[in-house]
């Protein structure tokens, strides 16, 4: 059964992941030290991957 909540969650994960990656790129471009932001980048990539995975599974159902 296709739940709208699963779709909302997948889209939310994708938005959060993309926003985190863009924020990392902005910090990198500003010349700040990005060493402490690497865990946030990894988490953002995981959110993006999870959102894409959930969206693909939602489309298959």
Protein backbone atom coordinates (compact mmCIF):
# COMPACT_ATOMS: atom_id res chain seq x y z
CA UNK A 1 0.00 0.00 0.00
CA UNK A 2 1.37 3.37 -1.00
CA UNK A 3 1.32 5.65 2.00
CA UNK A 4 1.54 9.39 1.55
CA UNK A 5 3.54 9.55 4.80
CA UNK A 6 6.26 7.35 3.31
CA UNK A 7 6.39 9.63 0.28
CA UNK A 8 6.55 12.72 2.51
CA UNK A 9 9.34 11.14 4.57
CA UNK A 10 11.34 10.26 1.47
CA UNK A 11 11.01 13.76 0.02
CA UNK A 12 11.90 15.30 3.39
CA UNK A 13 15.04 13.13 3.60
CA UNK A 14 16.08 14.21 0.10
CA UNK A 15 15.53 17.90 0.90
CA UNK A 16 17.51 17.68 4.15
CA UNK A 17 20.32 15.80 2.43
CA UNK A 18 20.60 18.26 -0.44
CA UNK A 19 20.44 21.23 1.96
CA UNK A 20 23.24 19.75 4.08
CA UNK A 21 25.43 19.10 1.06
CA UNK A 22 24.84 22.63 -0.24
CA UNK A 23 25.66 24.08 3.18
CA UNK A 24 28.92 22.13 3.21
CA UNK A 25 29.80 23.42 -0.25
CA UNK A 26 29.08 27.01 0.86
CA UNK A 27 31.28 26.58 3.93
CA UNK A 28 34.00 25.07 1.76
CA UNK A 29 33.79 27.94 -0.74
CA UNK A 30 34.01 30.54 2.02
CA UNK A 31 37.44 29.27 3.00
CA UNK A 32 36.55 28.06 6.49
CA UNK A 33 38.03 24.93 7.98
CA UNK A 34 35.73 22.06 7.00
CA UNK A 35 37.34 19.33 9.08
CA UNK A 36 34.74 19.51 11.80
CA UNK A 37 31.91 19.50 9.24
CA UNK A 38 32.84 16.17 7.63
CA UNK A 39 30.47 14.17 9.90
CA UNK A 40 27.62 16.50 8.90
CA UNK A 41 28.46 15.93 5.23
CA UNK A 42 28.46 12.16 5.72
CA UNK A 43 25.10 12.36 7.49
CA UNK A 44 23.69 14.53 4.69
CA UNK A 45 24.83 12.04 2.05
CA UNK A 46 23.21 9.24 4.07
CA UNK A 47 19.94 11.21 4.27
CA UNK A 48 20.04 11.76 0.52
CA UNK A 49 20.73 8.09 -0.17
CA UNK A 50 18.02 6.96 2.23
CA UNK A 51 15.51 9.33 0.68
CA UNK A 52 16.27 8.09 -2.82
CA UNK A 53 16.05 4.47 -1.65
CA UNK A 54 12.69 5.08 0.06
CA UNK A 55 11.35 6.92 -2.99
CA UNK A 56 12.34 4.06 -5.28
CA UNK A 57 10.67 1.53 -2.97
CA UNK A 58 7.55 3.70 -2.76
CA UNK A 59 7.33 3.77 -6.58
CA UNK A 60 7.66 -0.04 -6.79
CA UNK A 61 4.74 -0.70 -4.46
